[in-house]
Amino acid sequence: MTRRQALVIALALAVAIVAGVFAALRTVGLGAEASAAGLSDSEIAQRAAALDRAEAKLRQEAADRPPALPPARAAASTARAQPQTVIYRRPAPIVLASSHEDDEHVDEDGEHEDDHGDDGGHDDD
């Protein structure tokens, strides 16, 4: 590891530590403000009453649910209970054939020659 890389890593760690300390101090400060701000008994009673109203509304909505669905038919439930049979059929293999494949050979120079020694009838002028 070069000195430049070590310096970059050290700076990144320092920035992370400073950010962590800042966040921790800010969190502690918010907690201290909340405990010092204390609520009066009347404010607590108002909030408790609002929570009670919300709870009563939720209970009423839970009681007003739609009726239960009718039971499922027996035939549908037995058909679903049986395992399915999976049949996998492989596709037919793809065969590529060339009509001149057997006639061509490659010599040491990388040129194509057929069995007769010429270059397949092509003239290289």
Protein backbone atom coordinates (compact mmCIF):
# COMPACT_ATOMS: atom_id res chain seq x y z
CA MET A 1 0.00 0.00 0.00
CA THR A 2 1.43 3.36 -0.94
CA ARG A 3 1.51 6.35 1.37
CA ARG A 4 -1.08 8.13 -0.75
CA GLN A 5 -3.55 5.24 -0.38
CA ALA A 6 -2.95 5.09 3.37
CA LEU A 7 -3.57 8.83 3.65
CA VAL A 8 -6.85 8.57 1.72
CA ILE A 9 -8.04 5.72 3.95
CA ALA A 10 -7.05 7.61 7.10
CA LEU A 11 -8.91 10.72 5.94
CA ALA A 12 -12.02 8.69 5.10
CA LEU A 13 -11.97 7.10 8.57
CA ALA A 14 -11.52 10.51 10.20
CA VAL A 15 -14.52 11.94 8.35
CA ALA A 16 -16.62 8.91 9.36
CA ILE A 17 -15.62 9.29 13.02
CA VAL A 18 -16.42 13.02 13.04
CA ALA A 19 -19.84 12.35 11.46
CA GLY A 20 -20.57 9.62 14.03
CA VAL A 21 -19.63 11.83 16.97
CA PHE A 22 -21.76 14.66 15.58
CA ALA A 23 -24.77 12.35 15.17
CA ALA A 24 -24.36 10.93 18.68
CA LEU A 25 -24.12 14.37 20.27
CA ARG A 26 -27.16 15.57 18.38
CA THR A 27 -29.15 12.53 19.47
CA VAL A 28 -28.20 13.05 23.11
CA GLY A 29 -29.16 16.72 22.83
CA LEU A 30 -32.61 15.86 21.48
CA GLY A 31 -33.18 13.44 24.34
CA ALA A 32 -32.23 16.06 26.92
CA GLU A 33 -34.59 18.64 25.37
CA ALA A 34 -37.50 16.20 25.35
CA SER A 35 -37.08 15.24 29.00
CA ALA A 36 -36.70 18.88 30.11
CA ALA A 37 -39.74 20.06 28.13
CA GLY A 38 -42.20 17.99 30.28
CA LEU A 39 -45.90 18.03 29.44
CA SER A 40 -48.64 19.27 31.70
CA ASP A 41 -51.31 16.90 32.99
CA SER A 42 -53.98 18.49 30.78
CA GLU A 43 -51.88 17.93 27.61
CA ILE A 44 -51.30 14.30 28.59
CA ALA A 45 -55.04 13.85 29.18
CA GLN A 46 -55.84 15.37 25.75
CA ARG A 47 -53.41 13.02 24.00
CA ALA A 48 -54.73 10.01 25.91
CA ALA A 49 -58.30 10.93 24.92
CA ALA A 50 -57.27 11.23 21.26
CA LEU A 51 -55.61 7.80 21.45
CA ASP A 52 -58.73 6.33 23.06
CA ARG A 53 -60.91 7.73 20.24
CA ALA A 54 -58.57 6.30 17.60
CA GLU A 55 -58.58 2.90 19.34
CA ALA A 56 -62.40 2.87 19.52
CA LYS A 57 -62.61 3.70 15.81
CA LEU A 58 -60.23 0.85 14.94
CA ARG A 59 -62.26 -1.60 17.03
CA GLN A 60 -65.47 -0.50 15.30
CA GLU A 61 -63.92 -0.94 11.85
CA ALA A 62 -62.64 -4.39 12.84
CA ALA A 63 -66.18 -5.36 13.93
CA ASP A 64 -67.69 -4.05 10.67
CA ARG A 65 -65.74 -6.50 8.52
CA PRO A 66 -67.56 -8.09 5.59
CA PRO A 67 -69.00 -11.56 6.18
CA ALA A 68 -66.75 -14.57 5.83
CA LEU A 69 -66.44 -16.17 2.42
CA PRO A 70 -68.39 -19.37 1.77
CA PRO A 71 -66.40 -22.59 2.18
CA ALA A 72 -64.56 -23.83 -0.88
CA ARG A 73 -66.07 -26.70 -2.83
CA ALA A 74 -64.73 -30.13 -1.95
CA ALA A 75 -63.93 -31.01 -5.58
CA ALA A 76 -61.75 -27.95 -6.05
CA SER A 77 -59.83 -28.61 -2.85
CA THR A 78 -59.09 -32.26 -3.74
CA ALA A 79 -57.97 -31.36 -7.24
CA ARG A 80 -55.44 -28.90 -5.83
CA ALA A 81 -54.15 -31.37 -3.27
CA GLN A 82 -52.80 -33.85 -5.85
CA PRO A 83 -49.26 -33.24 -7.11
CA GLN A 84 -48.74 -32.24 -10.68
CA THR A 85 -46.78 -34.38 -13.12
CA VAL A 86 -44.13 -32.48 -15.03
CA ILE A 87 -42.95 -33.86 -18.36
CA TYR A 88 -39.86 -32.29 -19.84
CA ARG A 89 -39.23 -32.80 -23.52
CA ARG A 90 -35.88 -31.76 -24.88
CA PRO A 91 -35.91 -29.85 -28.15
CA ALA A 92 -34.50 -31.54 -31.22
CA PRO A 93 -30.77 -30.97 -31.58
CA ILE A 94 -29.65 -28.37 -34.10
CA VAL A 95 -27.31 -29.85 -36.69
CA LEU A 96 -25.31 -27.59 -38.96
CA ALA A 97 -23.84 -29.26 -42.04
CA SER A 98 -21.67 -27.89 -44.79
CA SER A 99 -21.54 -29.57 -48.18
CA HIS A 100 -17.86 -28.66 -48.68
CA GLU A 101 -16.61 -29.56 -45.23
CA ASP A 102 -15.06 -32.89 -46.25
CA ASP A 103 -13.37 -31.45 -49.34
CA GLU A 104 -11.53 -28.57 -47.66
CA HIS A 105 -8.31 -28.73 -45.72
CA VAL A 106 -6.17 -25.99 -44.28
CA ASP A 107 -2.46 -26.05 -45.07
CA GLU A 108 0.36 -24.66 -42.90
CA ASP A 109 -0.07 -21.15 -44.34
CA GLY A 110 -3.72 -20.99 -43.26
CA GLU A 111 -4.99 -21.21 -46.86
CA HIS A 112 -7.88 -23.47 -47.79
CA GLU A 113 -7.17 -26.21 -50.27
CA ASP A 114 -9.38 -29.00 -51.49
CA ASP A 115 -8.35 -32.61 -52.15
CA HIS A 116 -7.08 -31.73 -55.64
CA GLY A 117 -4.38 -29.36 -54.43
CA ASP A 118 -5.87 -26.14 -55.75
CA ASP A 119 -7.52 -23.36 -53.76
CA GLY A 120 -11.11 -24.23 -54.59
CA GLY A 121 -11.22 -22.71 -58.05
CA HIS A 122 -10.49 -19.15 -56.95
CA ASP A 123 -7.81 -17.29 -58.80
CA ASP A 124 -5.60 -14.98 -56.77
CA ASP A 125 -4.46 -12.53 -59.45
